[in-house]
Amino acid sequence: YPGGDRFDPLGLADDPDTFAELKVKEIKNGRLAMFSMFGYYVQAVVTGEGPVENWASHVADPFAVNGLNAALMGQFTPVAMFASTSAWYGRDRKTWLGPFKAPVPPHLTGELAGDYGFDPQGLGAKPGDLKKYVEAEIVHGRWAMLGTVGCLVPELLNGEDGVWFKQGAKIFSEGGIDYLGNPGFIHAQSIIGILAAQVVLMGAVEAYRVAGGP
């Protein structure tokens, strides 16, 4: 499991049942965050506005500024946020068709967190591939959760000047970018320099992970 037993300063995984529940919650929130990041990109292309500004417009006039028809929205019901651990693991767990019986491939046995029995292409049929995809999903989900916070917080703090997709262009301005608004911290003026730093830092982290790190 990515991270293993190397980072748990609060001891949240000491109890096996609690650990099993937390793994389900992490993968579910990671999946939602990956969808939200995709939504941020689409939203930026379609509206040219940040997520906070779009949300404020919707709150001000929810019927006019809305991607869904009100009649369609009435068909959705709230999803339960909490349930017993047994509901998410084992052969009798919830599957991707909800209340209906869904075809579940034999390699998805309900032992993994977030396993809803959905793999129509058989991508995880080989044990080695399944392990690789499980790890990749968790890692990407964690990055997406951080990315979601990173998109929202700057706009909440700085308004239109903090919209996430407009920040990259600032490096081409005369003053460049001051990280955290402090010119004495990191004053970035070279896109090549930033790219090189990202390649080195991310490459080192990924190399450590591939070599057996958490």
N, C-alpha and C. Protein backbone atom coordinates (compact mmCIF):
# COMPACT_ATOMS: atom_id res chain seq x y z
N TYR A 1 0.86 -1.19 0.00
CA TYR A 1 0.00 0.00 0.00
C TYR A 1 0.89 1.23 0.00
N PRO A 2 0.71 2.17 -0.96
CA PRO A 2 1.57 3.36 -1.04
C PRO A 2 1.66 4.10 0.28
N GLY A 3 2.87 4.34 0.73
CA GLY A 3 3.07 4.97 2.03
C GLY A 3 3.38 3.96 3.10
N GLY A 4 2.78 2.77 2.96
CA GLY A 4 3.03 1.68 3.89
C GLY A 4 2.88 2.09 5.34
N ASP A 5 3.79 1.61 6.16
CA ASP A 5 3.75 1.93 7.59
C ASP A 5 4.81 2.98 7.96
N ARG A 6 5.26 3.75 6.93
CA ARG A 6 6.34 4.69 7.17
C ARG A 6 5.84 6.08 7.56
N PHE A 7 4.58 6.36 7.27
CA PHE A 7 4.07 7.68 7.62
C PHE A 7 2.68 7.56 8.22
N ASP A 8 2.61 7.56 9.52
CA ASP A 8 1.35 7.56 10.25
C ASP A 8 1.61 8.14 11.63
N PRO A 9 1.98 9.44 11.68
CA PRO A 9 2.38 10.05 12.96
C PRO A 9 1.28 10.04 14.01
N LEU A 10 0.02 9.98 13.57
CA LEU A 10 -1.09 10.01 14.53
C LEU A 10 -1.57 8.61 14.91
N GLY A 11 -0.97 7.59 14.31
CA GLY A 11 -1.36 6.23 14.64
C GLY A 11 -2.77 5.87 14.20
N LEU A 12 -3.23 6.46 13.10
CA LEU A 12 -4.60 6.22 12.64
C LEU A 12 -4.81 4.80 12.13
N ALA A 13 -3.72 4.14 11.72
CA ALA A 13 -3.84 2.80 11.15
C ALA A 13 -3.52 1.70 12.15
N ASP A 14 -3.44 2.05 13.42
CA ASP A 14 -3.10 1.02 14.42
C ASP A 14 -4.19 -0.04 14.51
N ASP A 15 -5.44 0.39 14.40
CA ASP A 15 -6.55 -0.57 14.46
C ASP A 15 -6.86 -1.06 13.04
N PRO A 16 -6.82 -2.37 12.77
CA PRO A 16 -7.03 -2.89 11.42
C PRO A 16 -8.37 -2.48 10.80
N ASP A 17 -9.44 -2.48 11.59
CA ASP A 17 -10.75 -2.10 11.06
C ASP A 17 -10.78 -0.62 10.67
N THR A 18 -10.18 0.21 11.49
CA THR A 18 -10.12 1.64 11.19
C THR A 18 -9.28 1.88 9.94
N PHE A 19 -8.17 1.15 9.82
CA PHE A 19 -7.30 1.27 8.66
C PHE A 19 -8.04 0.89 7.39
N ALA A 20 -8.81 -0.20 7.44
CA ALA A 20 -9.57 -0.64 6.27
C ALA A 20 -10.59 0.41 5.86
N GLU A 21 -11.24 1.03 6.84
CA GLU A 21 -12.23 2.08 6.55
C GLU A 21 -11.56 3.32 5.97
N LEU A 22 -10.42 3.70 6.53
CA LEU A 22 -9.71 4.89 6.05
C LEU A 22 -9.21 4.70 4.62
N LYS A 23 -8.81 3.49 4.26
CA LYS A 23 -8.36 3.24 2.89
C LYS A 23 -9.50 3.44 1.90
N VAL A 24 -10.70 2.99 2.27
CA VAL A 24 -11.87 3.19 1.41
C VAL A 24 -12.15 4.69 1.25
N LYS A 25 -12.11 5.41 2.35
CA LYS A 25 -12.39 6.85 2.29
C LYS A 25 -11.34 7.59 1.46
N GLU A 26 -10.08 7.16 1.59
CA GLU A 26 -9.03 7.83 0.82
C GLU A 26 -9.23 7.63 -0.69
N ILE A 27 -9.51 6.40 -1.09
CA ILE A 27 -9.66 6.14 -2.52
C ILE A 27 -10.91 6.81 -3.09
N LYS A 28 -11.99 6.86 -2.28
CA LYS A 28 -13.21 7.53 -2.75
C LYS A 28 -12.99 9.03 -2.91
N ASN A 29 -12.34 9.65 -1.93
CA ASN A 29 -12.06 11.08 -2.03
C ASN A 29 -11.05 11.37 -3.13
N GLY A 30 -10.09 10.47 -3.33
CA GLY A 30 -9.13 10.64 -4.41
C GLY A 30 -9.81 10.59 -5.77
N ARG A 31 -10.74 9.67 -5.95
CA ARG A 31 -11.48 9.59 -7.22
C ARG A 31 -12.30 10.84 -7.46
N LEU A 32 -12.97 11.33 -6.41
CA LEU A 32 -13.74 12.57 -6.54
C LEU A 32 -12.82 13.74 -6.89
N ALA A 33 -11.64 13.77 -6.28
CA ALA A 33 -10.70 14.86 -6.55
C ALA A 33 -10.20 14.81 -7.98
N MET A 34 -9.97 13.60 -8.51
CA MET A 34 -9.53 13.49 -9.91
C MET A 34 -10.61 13.99 -10.86
N PHE A 35 -11.87 13.66 -10.56
CA PHE A 35 -12.97 14.18 -11.35
C PHE A 35 -13.05 15.70 -11.23
N SER A 36 -12.83 16.22 -10.02
CA SER A 36 -12.93 17.67 -9.83
C SER A 36 -11.83 18.39 -10.59
N MET A 37 -10.62 17.81 -10.63
CA MET A 37 -9.54 18.43 -11.39
C MET A 37 -9.87 18.46 -12.88
N PHE A 38 -10.45 17.38 -13.37
CA PHE A 38 -10.89 17.36 -14.78
C PHE A 38 -11.96 18.42 -15.00
N GLY A 39 -12.87 18.54 -14.01
CA GLY A 39 -13.92 19.56 -14.11
C GLY A 39 -13.36 20.96 -14.12
N TYR A 40 -12.29 21.19 -13.35
CA TYR A 40 -11.66 22.52 -13.33
C TYR A 40 -11.14 22.89 -14.72
N TYR A 41 -10.53 21.92 -15.39
CA TYR A 41 -10.01 22.17 -16.74
C TYR A 41 -11.14 22.50 -17.71
N VAL A 42 -12.19 21.68 -17.70
CA VAL A 42 -13.33 21.91 -18.60
C VAL A 42 -13.98 23.25 -18.28
N GLN A 43 -14.15 23.53 -17.00
CA GLN A 43 -14.76 24.78 -16.55
C GLN A 43 -13.96 25.99 -17.04
N ALA A 44 -12.64 25.88 -16.94
CA ALA A 44 -11.78 26.99 -17.37
C ALA A 44 -11.89 27.22 -18.87
N VAL A 45 -11.94 26.12 -19.64
CA VAL A 45 -12.05 26.25 -21.10
C VAL A 45 -13.40 26.83 -21.51
N VAL A 46 -14.46 26.38 -20.87
CA VAL A 46 -15.81 26.78 -21.26
C VAL A 46 -16.17 28.17 -20.78
N THR A 47 -15.83 28.49 -19.52
CA THR A 47 -16.28 29.76 -18.93
C THR A 47 -15.19 30.82 -18.83
N GLY A 48 -13.94 30.40 -18.82
CA GLY A 48 -12.86 31.35 -18.65
C GLY A 48 -12.80 31.92 -17.24
N GLU A 49 -13.45 31.27 -16.28
CA GLU A 49 -13.48 31.73 -14.90
C GLU A 49 -12.96 30.63 -13.98
N GLY A 50 -12.61 31.02 -12.76
CA GLY A 50 -12.16 30.06 -11.77
C GLY A 50 -13.33 29.37 -11.08
N PRO A 51 -13.07 28.27 -10.37
CA PRO A 51 -14.16 27.53 -9.71
C PRO A 51 -14.91 28.33 -8.66
N VAL A 52 -14.20 29.18 -7.91
CA VAL A 52 -14.87 29.97 -6.87
C VAL A 52 -15.79 31.01 -7.51
N GLU A 53 -15.33 31.66 -8.57
CA GLU A 53 -16.16 32.65 -9.26
C GLU A 53 -17.39 31.99 -9.88
N ASN A 54 -17.20 30.81 -10.48
CA ASN A 54 -18.33 30.07 -11.04
C ASN A 54 -19.33 29.69 -9.96
N TRP A 55 -18.82 29.25 -8.82
CA TRP A 55 -19.69 28.86 -7.71
C TRP A 55 -20.48 30.06 -7.19
N ALA A 56 -19.81 31.20 -7.06
CA ALA A 56 -20.48 32.40 -6.58
C ALA A 56 -21.58 32.83 -7.55
N SER A 57 -21.32 32.70 -8.85
CA SER A 57 -22.35 33.05 -9.85
C SER A 57 -23.54 32.11 -9.75
N HIS A 58 -23.27 30.84 -9.50
CA HIS A 58 -24.35 29.86 -9.37
C HIS A 58 -25.20 30.14 -8.13
N VAL A 59 -24.53 30.46 -7.02
CA VAL A 59 -25.26 30.75 -5.79
C VAL A 59 -26.13 31.99 -5.95
N ALA A 60 -25.62 32.98 -6.69
CA ALA A 60 -26.38 34.21 -6.90
C ALA A 60 -27.62 33.98 -7.74
N ASP A 61 -27.54 33.05 -8.71
CA ASP A 61 -28.69 32.77 -9.58
C ASP A 61 -28.63 31.31 -10.00
N PRO A 62 -29.02 30.40 -9.10
CA PRO A 62 -28.83 28.96 -9.34
C PRO A 62 -29.60 28.41 -10.54
N PHE A 63 -30.72 29.00 -10.90
CA PHE A 63 -31.49 28.46 -12.01
C PHE A 63 -30.96 28.91 -13.36
N ALA A 64 -30.43 30.10 -13.42
CA ALA A 64 -29.89 30.59 -14.68
C ALA A 64 -28.46 30.11 -14.92
N VAL A 65 -27.66 30.06 -13.84
CA VAL A 65 -26.27 29.63 -13.96
C VAL A 65 -26.17 28.21 -13.43
N ASN A 66 -26.45 27.25 -14.29
CA ASN A 66 -26.51 25.86 -13.87
C ASN A 66 -26.31 24.95 -15.08
N GLY A 67 -25.47 23.95 -14.91
CA GLY A 67 -25.22 23.02 -16.00
C GLY A 67 -26.26 21.93 -16.12
N LEU A 68 -27.12 21.80 -15.12
CA LEU A 68 -28.14 20.76 -15.13
C LEU A 68 -29.53 21.38 -15.09
N ASN A 69 -30.45 20.73 -15.75
CA ASN A 69 -31.85 21.16 -15.70
C ASN A 69 -32.42 20.81 -14.33
N ALA A 70 -33.25 21.69 -13.78
CA ALA A 70 -33.81 21.47 -12.44
C ALA A 70 -34.58 20.16 -12.35
N ALA A 71 -35.27 19.79 -13.43
CA ALA A 71 -36.04 18.55 -13.42
C ALA A 71 -35.12 17.34 -13.35
N LEU A 72 -33.96 17.44 -14.02
CA LEU A 72 -33.00 16.35 -13.99
C LEU A 72 -32.38 16.21 -12.62
N MET A 73 -32.11 17.35 -11.98
CA MET A 73 -31.48 17.32 -10.65
C MET A 73 -32.35 16.61 -9.62
N GLY A 74 -33.66 16.65 -9.82
CA GLY A 74 -34.57 16.03 -8.87
C GLY A 74 -34.50 14.51 -8.88
N GLN A 75 -33.83 13.95 -9.92
CA GLN A 75 -33.75 12.50 -10.03
C GLN A 75 -32.63 11.92 -9.16
N PHE A 76 -31.74 12.79 -8.65
CA PHE A 76 -30.61 12.32 -7.87
C PHE A 76 -30.96 12.28 -6.39
N THR A 77 -30.38 11.30 -5.70
CA THR A 77 -30.59 11.18 -4.26
C THR A 77 -29.22 11.24 -3.57
N PRO A 78 -29.17 11.72 -2.34
CA PRO A 78 -27.89 11.81 -1.64
C PRO A 78 -27.25 10.45 -1.47
N VAL A 79 -25.92 10.43 -1.52
CA VAL A 79 -25.16 9.20 -1.33
C VAL A 79 -24.75 9.08 0.13
N ALA A 80 -24.89 7.91 0.69
CA ALA A 80 -24.52 7.72 2.09
C ALA A 80 -23.03 7.96 2.27
N MET A 81 -22.67 8.73 3.29
CA MET A 81 -21.27 9.04 3.54
C MET A 81 -20.61 8.03 4.47
N PHE A 82 -21.40 7.42 5.31
CA PHE A 82 -20.83 6.49 6.28
C PHE A 82 -21.59 5.16 6.22
N ALA A 83 -20.88 4.10 6.34
CA ALA A 83 -21.51 2.78 6.35
C ALA A 83 -20.54 1.81 7.03
N SER A 84 -21.02 0.64 7.35
CA SER A 84 -20.15 -0.32 8.01
C SER A 84 -19.08 -0.79 7.04
N THR A 85 -17.93 -1.18 7.59
CA THR A 85 -16.81 -1.61 6.75
C THR A 85 -17.19 -2.78 5.87
N SER A 86 -18.04 -3.69 6.37
CA SER A 86 -18.40 -4.87 5.60
C SER A 86 -19.14 -4.53 4.31
N ALA A 87 -19.73 -3.34 4.26
CA ALA A 87 -20.46 -2.94 3.05
C ALA A 87 -19.53 -2.66 1.89
N TRP A 88 -18.23 -2.44 2.14
CA TRP A 88 -17.29 -2.06 1.09
C TRP A 88 -16.27 -3.15 0.77
N TYR A 89 -16.30 -4.27 1.50
CA TYR A 89 -15.34 -5.35 1.26
C TYR A 89 -16.08 -6.68 1.12
N GLY A 90 -15.41 -7.65 0.51
CA GLY A 90 -15.96 -9.00 0.41
C GLY A 90 -16.88 -9.20 -0.78
N ARG A 91 -17.35 -10.41 -0.94
CA ARG A 91 -18.19 -10.78 -2.08
C ARG A 91 -19.54 -10.07 -2.06
N ASP A 92 -20.03 -9.73 -0.88
CA ASP A 92 -21.36 -9.11 -0.75
C ASP A 92 -21.29 -7.58 -0.68
N ARG A 93 -20.17 -7.01 -1.09
CA ARG A 93 -19.99 -5.55 -1.05
C ARG A 93 -20.89 -4.86 -2.08
N LYS A 94 -20.97 -3.55 -1.97
CA LYS A 94 -21.70 -2.77 -2.97
C LYS A 94 -20.91 -2.79 -4.28
N THR A 95 -21.61 -2.94 -5.40
CA THR A 95 -20.94 -2.95 -6.70
C THR A 95 -21.38 -1.74 -7.53
N TRP A 96 -20.82 -1.65 -8.73
CA TRP A 96 -20.96 -0.42 -9.52
C TRP A 96 -22.36 -0.19 -10.07
N LEU A 97 -23.26 -1.16 -9.98
CA LEU A 97 -24.64 -0.97 -10.43
C LEU A 97 -25.59 -0.70 -9.27
N GLY A 98 -25.01 -0.42 -8.11
CA GLY A 98 -25.85 -0.07 -6.97
C GLY A 98 -26.75 -1.21 -6.53
N PRO A 99 -28.07 -0.98 -6.54
CA PRO A 99 -29.00 -2.01 -6.05
C PRO A 99 -29.17 -3.19 -7.01
N PHE A 100 -28.65 -3.07 -8.23
CA PHE A 100 -28.80 -4.14 -9.22
C PHE A 100 -27.58 -5.04 -9.23
N LYS A 101 -27.77 -6.28 -9.61
CA LYS A 101 -26.67 -7.24 -9.64
C LYS A 101 -25.78 -6.93 -10.84
N ALA A 102 -24.50 -6.74 -10.59
CA ALA A 102 -23.56 -6.37 -11.65
C ALA A 102 -22.60 -7.52 -11.92
N PRO A 103 -22.20 -7.69 -13.18
CA PRO A 103 -21.18 -8.70 -13.49
C PRO A 103 -19.83 -8.26 -12.93
N VAL A 104 -19.23 -9.10 -12.12
CA VAL A 104 -17.96 -8.77 -11.48
C VAL A 104 -16.89 -9.76 -11.95
N PRO A 105 -15.79 -9.27 -12.51
CA PRO A 105 -14.73 -10.18 -12.96
C PRO A 105 -14.10 -10.92 -11.80
N PRO A 106 -13.62 -12.14 -12.03
CA PRO A 106 -13.12 -12.98 -10.92
C PRO A 106 -11.91 -12.42 -10.19
N HIS A 107 -11.12 -11.54 -10.85
CA HIS A 107 -9.92 -11.03 -10.18
C HIS A 107 -10.23 -9.92 -9.19
N LEU A 108 -11.48 -9.42 -9.19
CA LEU A 108 -11.88 -8.41 -8.22
C LEU A 108 -12.72 -9.09 -7.14
N THR A 109 -12.06 -9.43 -6.04
CA THR A 109 -12.69 -10.27 -5.01
C THR A 109 -13.23 -9.47 -3.83
N GLY A 110 -13.07 -8.15 -3.86
CA GLY A 110 -13.55 -7.34 -2.75
C GLY A 110 -12.53 -7.13 -1.65
N GLU A 111 -11.28 -7.52 -1.90
CA GLU A 111 -10.23 -7.34 -0.89
C GLU A 111 -9.63 -5.94 -0.94
N LEU A 112 -9.76 -5.26 -2.08
CA LEU A 112 -9.14 -3.95 -2.24
C LEU A 112 -10.09 -2.84 -1.83
N ALA A 113 -9.54 -1.76 -1.30
CA ALA A 113 -10.35 -0.59 -0.97
C ALA A 113 -10.90 0.03 -2.25
N GLY A 114 -12.19 0.35 -2.24
CA GLY A 114 -12.80 0.98 -3.41
C GLY A 114 -13.08 0.03 -4.55
N ASP A 115 -13.10 -1.27 -4.28
CA ASP A 115 -13.37 -2.26 -5.33
C ASP A 115 -14.87 -2.42 -5.51
N TYR A 116 -15.40 -1.84 -6.59
CA TYR A 116 -16.82 -1.97 -6.89
C TYR A 116 -17.08 -3.00 -7.99
N GLY A 117 -16.05 -3.79 -8.31
CA GLY A 117 -16.23 -4.84 -9.31
C GLY A 117 -16.29 -4.33 -10.73
N PHE A 118 -15.71 -3.15 -10.99
CA PHE A 118 -15.80 -2.56 -12.34
C PHE A 118 -14.45 -2.64 -13.04
N ASP A 119 -14.37 -3.52 -14.02
CA ASP A 119 -13.19 -3.64 -14.87
C ASP A 119 -13.60 -4.31 -16.18
N PRO A 120 -14.43 -3.64 -16.99
CA PRO A 120 -14.97 -4.27 -18.20
C PRO A 120 -13.91 -4.63 -19.23
N GLN A 121 -12.76 -3.94 -19.20
CA GLN A 121 -11.71 -4.23 -20.17
C GLN A 121 -10.70 -5.26 -19.65
N GLY A 122 -10.87 -5.69 -18.42
CA GLY A 122 -9.95 -6.68 -17.86
C GLY A 122 -8.53 -6.16 -17.68
N LEU A 123 -8.40 -4.86 -17.38
CA LEU A 123 -7.07 -4.26 -17.26
C LEU A 123 -6.29 -4.82 -16.07
N GLY A 124 -7.02 -5.29 -15.04
CA GLY A 124 -6.33 -5.81 -13.87
C GLY A 124 -6.37 -7.32 -13.76
N ALA A 125 -6.59 -7.99 -14.88
CA ALA A 125 -6.70 -9.45 -14.85
C ALA A 125 -5.40 -10.12 -14.39
N LYS A 126 -4.26 -9.50 -14.75
CA LYS A 126 -2.98 -10.03 -14.30
C LYS A 126 -2.64 -9.42 -12.94
N PRO A 127 -2.24 -10.24 -11.97
CA PRO A 127 -1.96 -9.72 -10.62
C PRO A 127 -0.96 -8.57 -10.61
N GLY A 128 0.07 -8.66 -11.43
CA GLY A 128 1.08 -7.61 -11.48
C GLY A 128 0.50 -6.30 -11.99
N ASP A 129 -0.36 -6.40 -13.03
CA ASP A 129 -1.00 -5.19 -13.57
C ASP A 129 -1.96 -4.59 -12.57
N LEU A 130 -2.72 -5.44 -11.87
CA LEU A 130 -3.68 -4.94 -10.89
C LEU A 130 -2.97 -4.17 -9.78
N LYS A 131 -1.87 -4.71 -9.29
CA LYS A 131 -1.11 -4.02 -8.24
C LYS A 131 -0.61 -2.67 -8.74
N LYS A 132 -0.14 -2.64 -9.99
CA LYS A 132 0.38 -1.39 -10.56
C LYS A 132 -0.71 -0.35 -10.70
N TYR A 133 -1.89 -0.76 -11.17
CA TYR A 133 -2.99 0.18 -11.34
C TYR A 133 -3.55 0.68 -10.01
N VAL A 134 -3.60 -0.21 -9.02
CA VAL A 134 -4.07 0.20 -7.69
C VAL A 134 -3.15 1.28 -7.12
N GLU A 135 -1.85 1.06 -7.22
CA GLU A 135 -0.89 2.03 -6.70
C GLU A 135 -0.98 3.35 -7.47
N ALA A 136 -1.10 3.26 -8.81
CA ALA A 136 -1.17 4.47 -9.62
C ALA A 136 -2.42 5.29 -9.29
N GLU A 137 -3.55 4.60 -9.06
CA GLU A 137 -4.78 5.32 -8.75
C GLU A 137 -4.67 6.05 -7.41
N ILE A 138 -4.10 5.40 -6.41
CA ILE A 138 -3.96 6.03 -5.10
C ILE A 138 -3.03 7.23 -5.18
N VAL A 139 -1.89 7.07 -5.87
CA VAL A 139 -0.94 8.17 -6.00
C VAL A 139 -1.57 9.35 -6.73
N HIS A 140 -2.25 9.08 -7.84
CA HIS A 140 -2.89 10.16 -8.60
C HIS A 140 -4.03 10.79 -7.80
N GLY A 141 -4.75 9.98 -7.04
CA GLY A 141 -5.82 10.51 -6.21
C GLY A 141 -5.29 11.46 -5.15
N ARG A 142 -4.15 11.12 -4.55
CA ARG A 142 -3.55 11.99 -3.54
C ARG A 142 -3.10 13.31 -4.17
N TRP A 143 -2.48 13.23 -5.34
CA TRP A 143 -2.07 14.46 -6.03
C TRP A 143 -3.29 15.30 -6.39
N ALA A 144 -4.37 14.64 -6.81
CA ALA A 144 -5.58 15.39 -7.19
C ALA A 144 -6.21 16.08 -5.99
N MET A 145 -6.18 15.43 -4.82
CA MET A 145 -6.72 16.08 -3.62
C MET A 145 -5.91 17.31 -3.26
N LEU A 146 -4.57 17.21 -3.38
CA LEU A 146 -3.73 18.38 -3.14
C LEU A 146 -3.98 19.44 -4.21
N GLY A 147 -4.15 19.00 -5.47
CA GLY A 147 -4.38 19.95 -6.55
C GLY A 147 -5.69 20.69 -6.38
N THR A 148 -6.72 20.00 -5.91
CA THR A 148 -8.01 20.64 -5.70
C THR A 148 -7.90 21.77 -4.67
N VAL A 149 -7.20 21.48 -3.58
CA VAL A 149 -6.98 22.52 -2.56
C VAL A 149 -6.15 23.66 -3.15
N GLY A 150 -5.14 23.30 -3.94
CA GLY A 150 -4.28 24.31 -4.55
C GLY A 150 -4.99 25.20 -5.55
N CYS A 151 -6.05 24.70 -6.16
CA CYS A 151 -6.84 25.51 -7.10
C CYS A 151 -7.80 26.44 -6.37
N LEU A 152 -8.36 25.96 -5.27
CA LEU A 152 -9.38 26.73 -4.56
C LEU A 152 -8.82 27.80 -3.64
N VAL A 153 -7.81 27.46 -2.85
CA VAL A 153 -7.33 28.37 -1.81
C VAL A 153 -6.80 29.70 -2.37
N PRO A 154 -5.95 29.69 -3.41
CA PRO A 154 -5.46 30.98 -3.91
C PRO A 154 -6.58 31.91 -4.39
N GLU A 155 -7.61 31.32 -5.03
CA GLU A 155 -8.71 32.17 -5.50
C GLU A 155 -9.55 32.68 -4.33
N LEU A 156 -9.71 31.84 -3.30
CA LEU A 156 -10.44 32.29 -2.12
C LEU A 156 -9.72 33.44 -1.43
N LEU A 157 -8.40 33.39 -1.43
CA LEU A 157 -7.61 34.41 -0.74
C LEU A 157 -7.41 35.67 -1.57
N ASN A 158 -7.27 35.51 -2.88
CA ASN A 158 -6.88 36.64 -3.72
C ASN A 158 -7.91 37.03 -4.78
N GLY A 159 -9.05 36.35 -4.81
CA GLY A 159 -10.07 36.69 -5.79
C GLY A 159 -9.63 36.35 -7.20
N GLU A 160 -10.01 37.19 -8.16
CA GLU A 160 -9.72 36.91 -9.57
C GLU A 160 -8.22 36.85 -9.84
N ASP A 161 -7.43 37.55 -9.04
CA ASP A 161 -5.99 37.54 -9.23
C ASP A 161 -5.37 36.19 -8.87
N GLY A 162 -6.15 35.33 -8.19
CA GLY A 162 -5.62 34.04 -7.77
C GLY A 162 -6.18 32.86 -8.53
N VAL A 163 -6.89 33.10 -9.64
CA VAL A 163 -7.46 32.00 -10.43
C VAL A 163 -6.34 31.09 -10.93
N TRP A 164 -6.46 29.80 -10.69
CA TRP A 164 -5.35 28.87 -10.88
C TRP A 164 -4.78 28.84 -12.29
N PHE A 165 -5.64 28.87 -13.32
CA PHE A 165 -5.12 28.68 -14.68
C PHE A 165 -4.52 29.97 -15.26
N LYS A 166 -4.61 31.06 -14.51
CA LYS A 166 -4.02 32.32 -14.97
C LYS A 166 -2.64 32.57 -14.36
N GLN A 167 -2.22 31.70 -13.45
CA GLN A 167 -0.97 31.95 -12.73
C GLN A 167 0.26 31.70 -13.58
N GLY A 168 0.22 30.69 -14.43
CA GLY A 168 1.39 30.37 -15.23
C GLY A 168 1.84 31.50 -16.13
N ALA A 169 0.88 32.25 -16.68
CA ALA A 169 1.22 33.34 -17.59
C ALA A 169 1.96 34.48 -16.90
N LYS A 170 1.84 34.55 -15.56
CA LYS A 170 2.48 35.65 -14.84
C LYS A 170 4.00 35.59 -14.91
N ILE A 171 4.54 34.41 -15.20
CA ILE A 171 5.99 34.31 -15.27
C ILE A 171 6.54 35.10 -16.45
N PHE A 172 5.69 35.34 -17.45
CA PHE A 172 6.13 36.09 -18.61
C PHE A 172 5.95 37.60 -18.43
N SER A 173 5.37 38.00 -17.29
CA SER A 173 5.23 39.42 -17.01
C SER A 173 6.58 40.01 -16.62
N GLU A 174 6.65 41.31 -16.55
CA GLU A 174 7.92 41.98 -16.28
C GLU A 174 8.50 41.61 -14.92
N GLY A 175 7.64 41.45 -13.93
CA GLY A 175 8.14 41.14 -12.59
C GLY A 175 8.27 39.67 -12.27
N GLY A 176 7.76 38.79 -13.17
CA GLY A 176 7.81 37.37 -12.89
C GLY A 176 6.83 36.97 -11.79
N ILE A 177 7.11 35.89 -11.11
CA ILE A 177 6.23 35.38 -10.05
C ILE A 177 6.96 35.38 -8.72
N ASP A 178 6.33 35.94 -7.71
CA ASP A 178 6.86 35.86 -6.34
C ASP A 178 6.08 34.79 -5.60
N TYR A 179 6.74 33.68 -5.26
CA TYR A 179 6.06 32.60 -4.56
C TYR A 179 5.59 33.08 -3.20
N LEU A 180 4.33 32.76 -2.88
CA LEU A 180 3.69 33.18 -1.63
C LEU A 180 3.64 34.70 -1.50
N GLY A 181 3.78 35.40 -2.64
CA GLY A 181 3.70 36.86 -2.63
C GLY A 181 4.89 37.54 -1.99
N ASN A 182 5.97 36.79 -1.75
CA ASN A 182 7.15 37.33 -1.09
C ASN A 182 8.33 37.33 -2.05
N PRO A 183 8.79 38.51 -2.50
CA PRO A 183 9.90 38.57 -3.46
C PRO A 183 11.21 38.03 -2.89
N GLY A 184 11.30 37.92 -1.56
CA GLY A 184 12.51 37.40 -0.95
C GLY A 184 12.52 35.89 -0.83
N PHE A 185 11.40 35.24 -1.17
CA PHE A 185 11.31 33.79 -1.03
C PHE A 185 11.80 33.10 -2.31
N ILE A 186 10.98 33.01 -3.31
CA ILE A 186 11.38 32.49 -4.62
C ILE A 186 10.85 33.45 -5.67
N HIS A 187 11.77 34.07 -6.39
CA HIS A 187 11.37 35.01 -7.43
C HIS A 187 11.63 34.34 -8.78
N ALA A 188 10.56 33.81 -9.39
CA ALA A 188 10.70 33.02 -10.61
C ALA A 188 10.48 33.88 -11.85
N GLN A 189 11.45 33.86 -12.75
CA GLN A 189 11.33 34.61 -14.00
C GLN A 189 11.66 33.77 -15.21
N SER A 190 12.03 32.52 -15.00
CA SER A 190 12.42 31.65 -16.12
C SER A 190 11.56 30.40 -16.16
N ILE A 191 10.81 30.24 -17.25
CA ILE A 191 9.98 29.04 -17.40
C ILE A 191 10.85 27.80 -17.54
N ILE A 192 12.02 27.95 -18.15
CA ILE A 192 12.95 26.83 -18.30
C ILE A 192 13.48 26.41 -16.93
N GLY A 193 13.78 27.39 -16.07
CA GLY A 193 14.26 27.08 -14.73
C GLY A 193 13.23 26.34 -13.90
N ILE A 194 11.96 26.78 -14.00
CA ILE A 194 10.88 26.12 -13.26
C ILE A 194 10.70 24.70 -13.75
N LEU A 195 10.70 24.52 -15.08
CA LEU A 195 10.55 23.19 -15.66
C LEU A 195 11.67 22.27 -15.22
N ALA A 196 12.90 22.79 -15.23
CA ALA A 196 14.05 21.97 -14.81
C ALA A 196 13.93 21.57 -13.35
N ALA A 197 13.50 22.51 -12.49
CA ALA A 197 13.34 22.21 -11.06
C ALA A 197 12.27 21.16 -10.85
N GLN A 198 11.16 21.24 -11.59
CA GLN A 198 10.09 20.26 -11.45
C GLN A 198 10.55 18.88 -11.89
N VAL A 199 11.30 18.82 -13.01
CA VAL A 199 11.79 17.53 -13.50
C VAL A 199 12.71 16.88 -12.48
N VAL A 200 13.61 17.68 -11.90
CA VAL A 200 14.57 17.14 -10.93
C VAL A 200 13.85 16.67 -9.66
N LEU A 201 12.97 17.53 -9.11
CA LEU A 201 12.30 17.19 -7.85
C LEU A 201 11.34 16.02 -8.02
N MET A 202 10.48 16.08 -9.04
CA MET A 202 9.52 15.01 -9.26
C MET A 202 10.22 13.73 -9.69
N GLY A 203 11.27 13.87 -10.49
CA GLY A 203 12.01 12.69 -10.93
C GLY A 203 12.65 11.98 -9.75
N ALA A 204 13.18 12.75 -8.80
CA ALA A 204 13.80 12.15 -7.62
C ALA A 204 12.78 11.41 -6.78
N VAL A 205 11.61 12.01 -6.59
CA VAL A 205 10.55 11.38 -5.80
C VAL A 205 10.08 10.09 -6.47
N GLU A 206 9.84 10.13 -7.78
CA GLU A 206 9.36 8.96 -8.50
C GLU A 206 10.42 7.86 -8.52
N ALA A 207 11.69 8.25 -8.68
CA ALA A 207 12.76 7.26 -8.69
C ALA A 207 12.85 6.55 -7.34
N TYR A 208 12.66 7.32 -6.27
CA TYR A 208 12.66 6.73 -4.92
C TYR A 208 11.50 5.76 -4.75
N ARG A 209 10.32 6.16 -5.25
CA ARG A 209 9.14 5.30 -5.13
C ARG A 209 9.31 4.01 -5.94
N VAL A 210 9.77 4.14 -7.18
CA VAL A 210 9.94 2.96 -8.04
C VAL A 210 11.01 2.01 -7.48
N ALA A 211 12.00 2.58 -6.80
CA ALA A 211 13.07 1.75 -6.23
C ALA A 211 12.65 1.02 -4.97
N GLY A 212 11.40 1.23 -4.55
CA GLY A 212 10.91 0.52 -3.38
C GLY A 212 10.51 1.39 -2.22
N GLY A 213 10.62 2.72 -2.40
CA GLY A 213 10.20 3.62 -1.35
C GLY A 213 8.69 3.64 -1.21
N PRO A 214 8.15 4.29 -0.18
CA PRO A 214 6.70 4.30 0.06
C PRO A 214 5.95 5.10 -0.99
